[in-house]
mmCIF file of all heavy atoms, coordinates in Angstrom:
data_MODEL
# 
_entry.id   MODEL 
# 
loop_
_atom_site.group_PDB 
_atom_site.id 
_atom_site.type_symbol 
_atom_site.label_atom_id 
_atom_site.label_alt_id 
_atom_site.label_comp_id 
_atom_site.label_asym_id 
_atom_site.label_entity_id 
_atom_site.label_seq_id 
_atom_site.pdbx_PDB_ins_code 
_atom_site.Cartn_x 
_atom_site.Cartn_y 
_atom_site.Cartn_z 
_atom_site.occupancy 
_atom_site.B_iso_or_equiv 
_atom_site.pdbx_formal_charge 
_atom_site.auth_seq_id 
_atom_site.auth_comp_id 
_atom_site.auth_asym_id 
_atom_site.auth_atom_id 
_atom_site.pdbx_PDB_model_num 
ATOM 1   N N   . THR A 1 1  ? 0.758  -1.168 -0.054 1.00 0.00 ? 1  THR A N   1 
ATOM 2   C CA  . THR A 1 1  ? 0.004  -0.019 -0.026 1.00 0.00 ? 1  THR A CA  1 
ATOM 3   C C   . THR A 1 1  ? 0.791  1.238  -0.014 1.00 0.00 ? 1  THR A C   1 
ATOM 4   O O   . THR A 1 1  ? 0.419  2.424  0.038  1.00 0.00 ? 1  THR A O   1 
ATOM 5   C CB  . THR A 1 1  ? -0.947 0.023  1.109  1.00 0.00 ? 1  THR A CB  1 
ATOM 6   O OG1 . THR A 1 1  ? -0.108 0.041  2.431  1.00 0.00 ? 1  THR A OG1 1 
ATOM 7   C CG2 . THR A 1 1  ? -1.859 -1.183 1.331  1.00 0.00 ? 1  THR A CG2 1 
ATOM 8   N N   . VAL A 1 2  ? 2.142  1.051  0.041  1.00 0.00 ? 2  VAL A N   1 
ATOM 9   C CA  . VAL A 1 2  ? 3.048  2.293  -0.038 1.00 0.00 ? 2  VAL A CA  1 
ATOM 10  C C   . VAL A 1 2  ? 3.058  2.883  -1.416 1.00 0.00 ? 2  VAL A C   1 
ATOM 11  O O   . VAL A 1 2  ? 3.237  2.233  -2.441 1.00 0.00 ? 2  VAL A O   1 
ATOM 12  C CB  . VAL A 1 2  ? 4.445  1.914  0.368  1.00 0.00 ? 2  VAL A CB  1 
ATOM 13  C CG1 . VAL A 1 2  ? 5.462  3.114  0.170  1.00 0.00 ? 2  VAL A CG1 1 
ATOM 14  C CG2 . VAL A 1 2  ? 4.448  1.366  1.722  1.00 0.00 ? 2  VAL A CG2 1 
ATOM 15  N N   . LYS A 1 3  ? 2.846  4.244  -1.491 1.00 0.00 ? 3  LYS A N   1 
ATOM 16  C CA  . LYS A 1 3  ? 2.790  4.899  -2.781 1.00 0.00 ? 3  LYS A CA  1 
ATOM 17  C C   . LYS A 1 3  ? 4.219  5.403  -3.156 1.00 0.00 ? 3  LYS A C   1 
ATOM 18  O O   . LYS A 1 3  ? 4.631  5.256  -4.255 1.00 0.00 ? 3  LYS A O   1 
ATOM 19  C CB  . LYS A 1 3  ? 1.854  6.095  -2.811 1.00 0.00 ? 3  LYS A CB  1 
ATOM 20  C CG  . LYS A 1 3  ? 0.420  5.819  -2.731 1.00 0.00 ? 3  LYS A CG  1 
ATOM 21  C CD  . LYS A 1 3  ? -0.438 7.136  -2.743 1.00 0.00 ? 3  LYS A CD  1 
ATOM 22  C CE  . LYS A 1 3  ? -1.975 6.803  -2.744 1.00 0.00 ? 3  LYS A CE  1 
ATOM 23  N NZ  . LYS A 1 3  ? -2.684 8.045  -2.793 1.00 0.00 ? 3  LYS A NZ  1 
ATOM 24  N N   . ARG A 1 4  ? 4.960  5.887  -2.259 1.00 0.00 ? 4  ARG A N   1 
ATOM 25  C CA  . ARG A 1 4  ? 6.296  6.381  -2.623 1.00 0.00 ? 4  ARG A CA  1 
ATOM 26  C C   . ARG A 1 4  ? 7.387  5.945  -1.518 1.00 0.00 ? 4  ARG A C   1 
ATOM 27  O O   . ARG A 1 4  ? 6.981  5.778  -0.331 1.00 0.00 ? 4  ARG A O   1 
ATOM 28  C CB  . ARG A 1 4  ? 6.316  7.923  -2.448 1.00 0.00 ? 4  ARG A CB  1 
ATOM 29  C CG  . ARG A 1 4  ? 5.416  8.783  -3.435 1.00 0.00 ? 4  ARG A CG  1 
ATOM 30  C CD  . ARG A 1 4  ? 5.715  10.212 -3.544 1.00 0.00 ? 4  ARG A CD  1 
ATOM 31  N NE  . ARG A 1 4  ? 5.643  10.812 -2.145 1.00 0.00 ? 4  ARG A NE  1 
ATOM 32  C CZ  . ARG A 1 4  ? 6.209  11.965 -1.852 1.00 0.00 ? 4  ARG A CZ  1 
ATOM 33  N NH1 . ARG A 1 4  ? 6.664  12.784 -2.805 1.00 0.00 ? 4  ARG A NH1 1 
ATOM 34  N NH2 . ARG A 1 4  ? 6.101  12.510 -0.592 1.00 0.00 ? 4  ARG A NH2 1 
ATOM 35  N N   . HIS A 1 5  ? 8.452  5.784  -2.122 1.00 0.00 ? 5  HIS A N   1 
ATOM 36  C CA  . HIS A 1 5  ? 9.600  5.427  -1.116 1.00 0.00 ? 5  HIS A CA  1 
ATOM 37  C C   . HIS A 1 5  ? 10.658 6.508  -1.114 1.00 0.00 ? 5  HIS A C   1 
ATOM 38  O O   . HIS A 1 5  ? 11.213 6.867  -2.194 1.00 0.00 ? 5  HIS A O   1 
ATOM 39  C CB  . HIS A 1 5  ? 10.296 4.142  -1.610 1.00 0.00 ? 5  HIS A CB  1 
ATOM 40  C CG  . HIS A 1 5  ? 9.540  2.918  -1.484 1.00 0.00 ? 5  HIS A CG  1 
ATOM 41  N ND1 . HIS A 1 5  ? 9.485  2.235  -0.390 1.00 0.00 ? 5  HIS A ND1 1 
ATOM 42  C CD2 . HIS A 1 5  ? 8.707  2.304  -2.361 1.00 0.00 ? 5  HIS A CD2 1 
ATOM 43  C CE1 . HIS A 1 5  ? 8.571  1.166  -0.533 1.00 0.00 ? 5  HIS A CE1 1 
ATOM 44  N NE2 . HIS A 1 5  ? 8.149  1.166  -1.793 1.00 0.00 ? 5  HIS A NE2 1 
ATOM 45  N N   . LEU A 1 6  ? 10.775 7.273  -0.023 1.00 0.00 ? 6  LEU A N   1 
ATOM 46  C CA  . LEU A 1 6  ? 11.571 8.371  0.096  1.00 0.00 ? 6  LEU A CA  1 
ATOM 47  C C   . LEU A 1 6  ? 13.067 7.952  0.538  1.00 0.00 ? 6  LEU A C   1 
ATOM 48  O O   . LEU A 1 6  ? 13.153 7.447  1.737  1.00 0.00 ? 6  LEU A O   1 
ATOM 49  C CB  . LEU A 1 6  ? 11.098 9.411  1.001  1.00 0.00 ? 6  LEU A CB  1 
ATOM 50  C CG  . LEU A 1 6  ? 9.623  9.779  0.843  1.00 0.00 ? 6  LEU A CG  1 
ATOM 51  C CD1 . LEU A 1 6  ? 9.173  10.957 1.813  1.00 0.00 ? 6  LEU A CD1 1 
ATOM 52  C CD2 . LEU A 1 6  ? 9.455  10.225 -0.648 1.00 0.00 ? 6  LEU A CD2 1 
ATOM 53  N N   . ILE A 1 7  ? 14.041 8.054  -0.283 1.00 0.00 ? 7  ILE A N   1 
ATOM 54  C CA  . ILE A 1 7  ? 15.293 7.452  -0.007 1.00 0.00 ? 7  ILE A CA  1 
ATOM 55  C C   . ILE A 1 7  ? 16.278 8.627  0.345  1.00 0.00 ? 7  ILE A C   1 
ATOM 56  O O   . ILE A 1 7  ? 16.686 9.494  -0.402 1.00 0.00 ? 7  ILE A O   1 
ATOM 57  C CB  . ILE A 1 7  ? 16.014 6.630  -1.210 1.00 0.00 ? 7  ILE A CB  1 
ATOM 58  C CG1 . ILE A 1 7  ? 14.797 5.893  -1.711 1.00 0.00 ? 7  ILE A CG1 1 
ATOM 59  C CG2 . ILE A 1 7  ? 17.044 5.880  -0.703 1.00 0.00 ? 7  ILE A CG2 1 
ATOM 60  C CD1 . ILE A 1 7  ? 14.215 4.789  -1.001 1.00 0.00 ? 7  ILE A CD1 1 
ATOM 61  N N   . VAL A 1 8  ? 16.797 8.705  1.678  1.00 0.00 ? 8  VAL A N   1 
ATOM 62  C CA  . VAL A 1 8  ? 17.631 9.813  2.113  1.00 0.00 ? 8  VAL A CA  1 
ATOM 63  C C   . VAL A 1 8  ? 19.067 9.176  1.972  1.00 0.00 ? 8  VAL A C   1 
ATOM 64  O O   . VAL A 1 8  ? 19.406 8.206  2.682  1.00 0.00 ? 8  VAL A O   1 
ATOM 65  C CB  . VAL A 1 8  ? 17.311 10.174 3.602  1.00 0.00 ? 8  VAL A CB  1 
ATOM 66  C CG1 . VAL A 1 8  ? 18.285 11.332 4.087  1.00 0.00 ? 8  VAL A CG1 1 
ATOM 67  C CG2 . VAL A 1 8  ? 15.914 10.554 3.711  1.00 0.00 ? 8  VAL A CG2 1 
ATOM 68  N N   . VAL A 1 9  ? 19.867 9.774  1.118  1.00 0.00 ? 9  VAL A N   1 
ATOM 69  C CA  . VAL A 1 9  ? 21.228 9.300  0.779  1.00 0.00 ? 9  VAL A CA  1 
ATOM 70  C C   . VAL A 1 9  ? 22.109 10.215 1.311  1.00 0.00 ? 9  VAL A C   1 
ATOM 71  O O   . VAL A 1 9  ? 22.244 11.435 0.997  1.00 0.00 ? 9  VAL A O   1 
ATOM 72  C CB  . VAL A 1 9  ? 21.383 9.049  -0.673 1.00 0.00 ? 9  VAL A CB  1 
ATOM 73  C CG1 . VAL A 1 9  ? 22.662 8.435  -1.105 1.00 0.00 ? 9  VAL A CG1 1 
ATOM 74  C CG2 . VAL A 1 9  ? 20.251 8.327  -1.296 1.00 0.00 ? 9  VAL A CG2 1 
ATOM 75  N N   . PRO A 1 10 ? 23.219 9.786  2.018  1.00 0.00 ? 10 PRO A N   1 
ATOM 76  C CA  . PRO A 1 10 ? 24.207 10.684 2.602  1.00 0.00 ? 10 PRO A CA  1 
ATOM 77  C C   . PRO A 1 10 ? 25.280 11.177 1.579  1.00 0.00 ? 10 PRO A C   1 
ATOM 78  O O   . PRO A 1 10 ? 25.438 10.529 0.596  1.00 0.00 ? 10 PRO A O   1 
ATOM 79  C CB  . PRO A 1 10 ? 24.841 9.821  3.723  1.00 0.00 ? 10 PRO A CB  1 
ATOM 80  C CG  . PRO A 1 10 ? 24.673 8.427  3.221  1.00 0.00 ? 10 PRO A CG  1 
ATOM 81  C CD  . PRO A 1 10 ? 23.405 8.389  2.476  1.00 0.00 ? 10 PRO A CD  1 
ATOM 82  N N   . GLU A 1 11 ? 25.947 12.103 1.905  1.00 0.00 ? 11 GLU A N   1 
ATOM 83  C CA  . GLU A 1 11 ? 26.934 12.685 1.090  1.00 0.00 ? 11 GLU A CA  1 
ATOM 84  C C   . GLU A 1 11 ? 28.098 11.641 0.934  1.00 0.00 ? 11 GLU A C   1 
ATOM 85  O O   . GLU A 1 11 ? 28.361 10.918 1.868  1.00 0.00 ? 11 GLU A O   1 
ATOM 86  C CB  . GLU A 1 11 ? 27.576 13.978 1.688  1.00 0.00 ? 11 GLU A CB  1 
ATOM 87  C CG  . GLU A 1 11 ? 28.531 14.729 0.795  1.00 0.00 ? 11 GLU A CG  1 
ATOM 88  C CD  . GLU A 1 11 ? 29.144 15.900 1.483  1.00 0.00 ? 11 GLU A CD  1 
ATOM 89  O OE1 . GLU A 1 11 ? 28.689 16.220 2.634  1.00 0.00 ? 11 GLU A OE1 1 
ATOM 90  O OE2 . GLU A 1 11 ? 29.945 16.741 0.920  1.00 0.00 ? 11 GLU A OE2 1 
ATOM 91  N N   . ARG A 1 12 ? 28.624 11.535 -0.284 1.00 0.00 ? 12 ARG A N   1 
ATOM 92  C CA  . ARG A 1 12 ? 29.728 10.605 -0.716 1.00 0.00 ? 12 ARG A CA  1 
ATOM 93  C C   . ARG A 1 12 ? 29.227 9.082  -0.510 1.00 0.00 ? 12 ARG A C   1 
ATOM 94  O O   . ARG A 1 12 ? 30.099 8.274  -0.340 1.00 0.00 ? 12 ARG A O   1 
ATOM 95  C CB  . ARG A 1 12 ? 30.977 10.709 0.303  1.00 0.00 ? 12 ARG A CB  1 
ATOM 96  C CG  . ARG A 1 12 ? 31.551 11.998 0.063  1.00 0.00 ? 12 ARG A CG  1 
ATOM 97  C CD  . ARG A 1 12 ? 32.940 12.237 0.779  1.00 0.00 ? 12 ARG A CD  1 
ATOM 98  N NE  . ARG A 1 12 ? 32.799 12.044 2.293  1.00 0.00 ? 12 ARG A NE  1 
ATOM 99  C CZ  . ARG A 1 12 ? 32.432 13.095 3.063  1.00 0.00 ? 12 ARG A CZ  1 
ATOM 100 N NH1 . ARG A 1 12 ? 32.157 14.307 2.560  1.00 0.00 ? 12 ARG A NH1 1 
ATOM 101 N NH2 . ARG A 1 12 ? 32.214 12.931 4.349  1.00 0.00 ? 12 ARG A NH2 1 
ATOM 102 N N   . ALA A 1 13 ? 28.045 8.779  -0.499 1.00 0.00 ? 13 ALA A N   1 
ATOM 103 C CA  . ALA A 1 13 ? 27.480 7.503  -0.433 1.00 0.00 ? 13 ALA A CA  1 
ATOM 104 C C   . ALA A 1 13 ? 28.009 6.614  -1.622 1.00 0.00 ? 13 ALA A C   1 
ATOM 105 O O   . ALA A 1 13 ? 28.231 5.430  -1.539 1.00 0.00 ? 13 ALA A O   1 
ATOM 106 C CB  . ALA A 1 13 ? 26.039 7.414  -0.475 1.00 0.00 ? 13 ALA A CB  1 
ATOM 107 N N   . GLU A 1 14 ? 28.180 7.403  -2.760 1.00 0.00 ? 14 GLU A N   1 
ATOM 108 C CA  . GLU A 1 14 ? 28.581 6.708  -4.017 1.00 0.00 ? 14 GLU A CA  1 
ATOM 109 C C   . GLU A 1 14 ? 30.117 6.108  -3.860 1.00 0.00 ? 14 GLU A C   1 
ATOM 110 O O   . GLU A 1 14 ? 30.572 5.318  -4.721 1.00 0.00 ? 14 GLU A O   1 
ATOM 111 C CB  . GLU A 1 14 ? 28.521 7.485  -5.229 1.00 0.00 ? 14 GLU A CB  1 
ATOM 112 C CG  . GLU A 1 14 ? 29.388 8.664  -5.232 1.00 0.00 ? 14 GLU A CG  1 
ATOM 113 C CD  . GLU A 1 14 ? 28.895 9.951  -4.515 1.00 0.00 ? 14 GLU A CD  1 
ATOM 114 O OE1 . GLU A 1 14 ? 27.926 9.704  -3.733 1.00 0.00 ? 14 GLU A OE1 1 
ATOM 115 O OE2 . GLU A 1 14 ? 29.469 11.060 -4.651 1.00 0.00 ? 14 GLU A OE2 1 
ATOM 116 N N   . LYS A 1 15 ? 30.736 6.624  -2.805 1.00 0.00 ? 15 LYS A N   1 
ATOM 117 C CA  . LYS A 1 15 ? 32.151 6.180  -2.684 1.00 0.00 ? 15 LYS A CA  1 
ATOM 118 C C   . LYS A 1 15 ? 32.324 4.927  -2.001 1.00 0.00 ? 15 LYS A C   1 
ATOM 119 O O   . LYS A 1 15 ? 33.407 4.271  -1.759 1.00 0.00 ? 15 LYS A O   1 
ATOM 120 C CB  . LYS A 1 15 ? 32.918 7.232  -1.882 1.00 0.00 ? 15 LYS A CB  1 
ATOM 121 C CG  . LYS A 1 15 ? 32.947 8.615  -2.481 1.00 0.00 ? 15 LYS A CG  1 
ATOM 122 C CD  . LYS A 1 15 ? 33.714 8.632  -3.812 1.00 0.00 ? 15 LYS A CD  1 
ATOM 123 C CE  . LYS A 1 15 ? 33.796 10.061 -4.410 1.00 0.00 ? 15 LYS A CE  1 
ATOM 124 N NZ  . LYS A 1 15 ? 34.461 10.073 -5.685 1.00 0.00 ? 15 LYS A NZ  1 
ATOM 125 N N   . GLU A 1 16 ? 31.211 4.256  -1.456 1.00 0.00 ? 16 GLU A N   1 
ATOM 126 C CA  . GLU A 1 16 ? 31.334 3.086  -0.718 1.00 0.00 ? 16 GLU A CA  1 
ATOM 127 C C   . GLU A 1 16 ? 30.979 1.813  -1.571 1.00 0.00 ? 16 GLU A C   1 
ATOM 128 O O   . GLU A 1 16 ? 30.199 1.930  -2.466 1.00 0.00 ? 16 GLU A O   1 
ATOM 129 C CB  . GLU A 1 16 ? 30.289 3.152  0.572  1.00 0.00 ? 16 GLU A CB  1 
ATOM 130 C CG  . GLU A 1 16 ? 30.616 4.189  1.440  1.00 0.00 ? 16 GLU A CG  1 
ATOM 131 C CD  . GLU A 1 16 ? 29.931 4.118  2.853  1.00 0.00 ? 16 GLU A CD  1 
ATOM 132 O OE1 . GLU A 1 16 ? 29.372 2.993  3.086  1.00 0.00 ? 16 GLU A OE1 1 
ATOM 133 O OE2 . GLU A 1 16 ? 29.971 4.954  3.604  1.00 0.00 ? 16 GLU A OE2 1 
ATOM 134 N N   . ILE A 1 17 ? 31.619 0.735  -1.285 1.00 0.00 ? 17 ILE A N   1 
ATOM 135 C CA  . ILE A 1 17 ? 31.451 -0.409 -2.021 1.00 0.00 ? 17 ILE A CA  1 
ATOM 136 C C   . ILE A 1 17 ? 30.094 -1.013 -2.069 1.00 0.00 ? 17 ILE A C   1 
ATOM 137 O O   . ILE A 1 17 ? 29.616 -1.616 -3.143 1.00 0.00 ? 17 ILE A O   1 
ATOM 138 C CB  . ILE A 1 17 ? 32.409 -1.540 -1.460 1.00 0.00 ? 17 ILE A CB  1 
ATOM 139 C CG1 . ILE A 1 17 ? 32.566 -2.632 -2.577 1.00 0.00 ? 17 ILE A CG1 1 
ATOM 140 C CG2 . ILE A 1 17 ? 31.883 -2.179 -0.138 1.00 0.00 ? 17 ILE A CG2 1 
ATOM 141 C CD1 . ILE A 1 17 ? 33.659 -3.654 -2.209 1.00 0.00 ? 17 ILE A CD1 1 
ATOM 142 N N   . GLY A 1 18 ? 29.227 -0.756 -1.050 1.00 0.00 ? 18 GLY A N   1 
ATOM 143 C CA  . GLY A 1 18 ? 27.819 -1.190 -1.073 1.00 0.00 ? 18 GLY A CA  1 
ATOM 144 C C   . GLY A 1 18 ? 26.802 -0.415 -1.780 1.00 0.00 ? 18 GLY A C   1 
ATOM 145 O O   . GLY A 1 18 ? 25.712 -0.775 -1.824 1.00 0.00 ? 18 GLY A O   1 
ATOM 146 N N   . PHE A 1 19 ? 27.299 0.573  -2.504 1.00 0.00 ? 19 PHE A N   1 
ATOM 147 C CA  . PHE A 1 19 ? 26.401 1.664  -3.002 1.00 0.00 ? 19 PHE A CA  1 
ATOM 148 C C   . PHE A 1 19 ? 25.498 0.909  -4.148 1.00 0.00 ? 19 PHE A C   1 
ATOM 149 O O   . PHE A 1 19 ? 24.230 1.025  -4.167 1.00 0.00 ? 19 PHE A O   1 
ATOM 150 C CB  . PHE A 1 19 ? 27.133 2.699  -3.813 1.00 0.00 ? 19 PHE A CB  1 
ATOM 151 C CG  . PHE A 1 19 ? 26.443 3.792  -4.490 1.00 0.00 ? 19 PHE A CG  1 
ATOM 152 C CD1 . PHE A 1 19 ? 25.404 4.655  -3.772 1.00 0.00 ? 19 PHE A CD1 1 
ATOM 153 C CD2 . PHE A 1 19 ? 26.412 4.017  -5.797 1.00 0.00 ? 19 PHE A CD2 1 
ATOM 154 C CE1 . PHE A 1 19 ? 24.705 5.652  -4.391 1.00 0.00 ? 19 PHE A CE1 1 
ATOM 155 C CE2 . PHE A 1 19 ? 25.759 4.880  -6.384 1.00 0.00 ? 19 PHE A CE2 1 
ATOM 156 C CZ  . PHE A 1 19 ? 24.942 5.763  -5.787 1.00 0.00 ? 19 PHE A CZ  1 
ATOM 157 N N   . THR A 1 20 ? 26.173 0.337  -5.080 1.00 0.00 ? 20 THR A N   1 
ATOM 158 C CA  . THR A 1 20 ? 25.452 -0.360 -6.168 1.00 0.00 ? 20 THR A CA  1 
ATOM 159 C C   . THR A 1 20 ? 24.627 -1.529 -5.673 1.00 0.00 ? 20 THR A C   1 
ATOM 160 O O   . THR A 1 20 ? 23.553 -1.970 -6.399 1.00 0.00 ? 20 THR A O   1 
ATOM 161 C CB  . THR A 1 20 ? 26.360 -0.785 -7.306 1.00 0.00 ? 20 THR A CB  1 
ATOM 162 O OG1 . THR A 1 20 ? 27.384 -1.547 -6.795 1.00 0.00 ? 20 THR A OG1 1 
ATOM 163 C CG2 . THR A 1 20 ? 26.969 0.437  -7.980 1.00 0.00 ? 20 THR A CG2 1 
ATOM 164 N N   . LEU A 1 21 ? 25.033 -2.170 -4.565 1.00 0.00 ? 21 LEU A N   1 
ATOM 165 C CA  . LEU A 1 21 ? 24.431 -3.367 -4.176 1.00 0.00 ? 21 LEU A CA  1 
ATOM 166 C C   . LEU A 1 21 ? 23.004 -3.021 -3.504 1.00 0.00 ? 21 LEU A C   1 
ATOM 167 O O   . LEU A 1 21 ? 22.022 -3.685 -3.782 1.00 0.00 ? 21 LEU A O   1 
ATOM 168 C CB  . LEU A 1 21 ? 25.205 -4.042 -3.001 1.00 0.00 ? 21 LEU A CB  1 
ATOM 169 C CG  . LEU A 1 21 ? 26.580 -4.451 -3.506 1.00 0.00 ? 21 LEU A CG  1 
ATOM 170 C CD1 . LEU A 1 21 ? 27.335 -5.206 -2.291 1.00 0.00 ? 21 LEU A CD1 1 
ATOM 171 C CD2 . LEU A 1 21 ? 26.451 -5.527 -4.561 1.00 0.00 ? 21 LEU A CD2 1 
ATOM 172 N N   . TRP A 1 22 ? 22.878 -1.884 -2.732 1.00 0.00 ? 22 TRP A N   1 
ATOM 173 C CA  . TRP A 1 22 ? 21.506 -1.462 -2.181 1.00 0.00 ? 22 TRP A CA  1 
ATOM 174 C C   . TRP A 1 22 ? 20.618 -0.827 -3.330 1.00 0.00 ? 22 TRP A C   1 
ATOM 175 O O   . TRP A 1 22 ? 19.454 -0.987 -3.175 1.00 0.00 ? 22 TRP A O   1 
ATOM 176 C CB  . TRP A 1 22 ? 21.708 -0.755 -0.915 1.00 0.00 ? 22 TRP A CB  1 
ATOM 177 C CG  . TRP A 1 22 ? 22.309 0.604  -0.935 1.00 0.00 ? 22 TRP A CG  1 
ATOM 178 C CD1 . TRP A 1 22 ? 23.536 1.013  -0.530 1.00 0.00 ? 22 TRP A CD1 1 
ATOM 179 C CD2 . TRP A 1 22 ? 21.767 1.907  -1.515 1.00 0.00 ? 22 TRP A CD2 1 
ATOM 180 N NE1 . TRP A 1 22 ? 23.893 2.320  -0.803 1.00 0.00 ? 22 TRP A NE1 1 
ATOM 181 C CE2 . TRP A 1 22 ? 22.782 2.931  -1.347 1.00 0.00 ? 22 TRP A CE2 1 
ATOM 182 C CE3 . TRP A 1 22 ? 20.501 2.184  -1.978 1.00 0.00 ? 22 TRP A CE3 1 
ATOM 183 C CZ2 . TRP A 1 22 ? 22.441 4.231  -1.761 1.00 0.00 ? 22 TRP A CZ2 1 
ATOM 184 C CZ3 . TRP A 1 22 ? 20.240 3.458  -2.302 1.00 0.00 ? 22 TRP A CZ3 1 
ATOM 185 C CH2 . TRP A 1 22 ? 21.225 4.495  -2.174 1.00 0.00 ? 22 TRP A CH2 1 
ATOM 186 N N   . LEU A 1 23 ? 21.444 -0.224 -4.186 1.00 0.00 ? 23 LEU A N   1 
ATOM 187 C CA  . LEU A 1 23 ? 20.673 0.371  -5.361 1.00 0.00 ? 23 LEU A CA  1 
ATOM 188 C C   . LEU A 1 23 ? 19.990 -0.794 -6.118 1.00 0.00 ? 23 LEU A C   1 
ATOM 189 O O   . LEU A 1 23 ? 18.779 -0.674 -6.654 1.00 0.00 ? 23 LEU A O   1 
ATOM 190 C CB  . LEU A 1 23 ? 21.557 1.114  -6.313 1.00 0.00 ? 23 LEU A CB  1 
ATOM 191 C CG  . LEU A 1 23 ? 21.622 2.623  -6.008 1.00 0.00 ? 23 LEU A CG  1 
ATOM 192 C CD1 . LEU A 1 23 ? 22.462 3.315  -7.067 1.00 0.00 ? 23 LEU A CD1 1 
ATOM 193 C CD2 . LEU A 1 23 ? 20.238 3.246  -6.127 1.00 0.00 ? 23 LEU A CD2 1 
ATOM 194 N N   . ARG A 1 24 ? 20.668 -1.918 -6.221 1.00 0.00 ? 24 ARG A N   1 
ATOM 195 C CA  . ARG A 1 24 ? 20.062 -2.929 -7.147 1.00 0.00 ? 24 ARG A CA  1 
ATOM 196 C C   . ARG A 1 24 ? 18.758 -3.501 -6.371 1.00 0.00 ? 24 ARG A C   1 
ATOM 197 O O   . ARG A 1 24 ? 17.860 -3.992 -7.074 1.00 0.00 ? 24 ARG A O   1 
ATOM 198 C CB  . ARG A 1 24 ? 21.102 -4.080 -7.247 1.00 0.00 ? 24 ARG A CB  1 
ATOM 199 C CG  . ARG A 1 24 ? 20.865 -5.218 -8.164 1.00 0.00 ? 24 ARG A CG  1 
ATOM 200 C CD  . ARG A 1 24 ? 21.886 -6.108 -8.198 1.00 0.00 ? 24 ARG A CD  1 
ATOM 201 N NE  . ARG A 1 24 ? 23.100 -5.686 -8.671 1.00 0.00 ? 24 ARG A NE  1 
ATOM 202 C CZ  . ARG A 1 24 ? 24.355 -6.236 -8.569 1.00 0.00 ? 24 ARG A CZ  1 
ATOM 203 N NH1 . ARG A 1 24 ? 24.397 -7.442 -8.102 1.00 0.00 ? 24 ARG A NH1 1 
ATOM 204 N NH2 . ARG A 1 24 ? 25.487 -5.530 -8.978 1.00 0.00 ? 24 ARG A NH2 1 
# 
């Protein structure tokens, strides 16, 4: 029943190895 998922992403999150894993 959730309409939107609001994803709060910290600064430099793309620098961590798990970035693409949780994005997937």
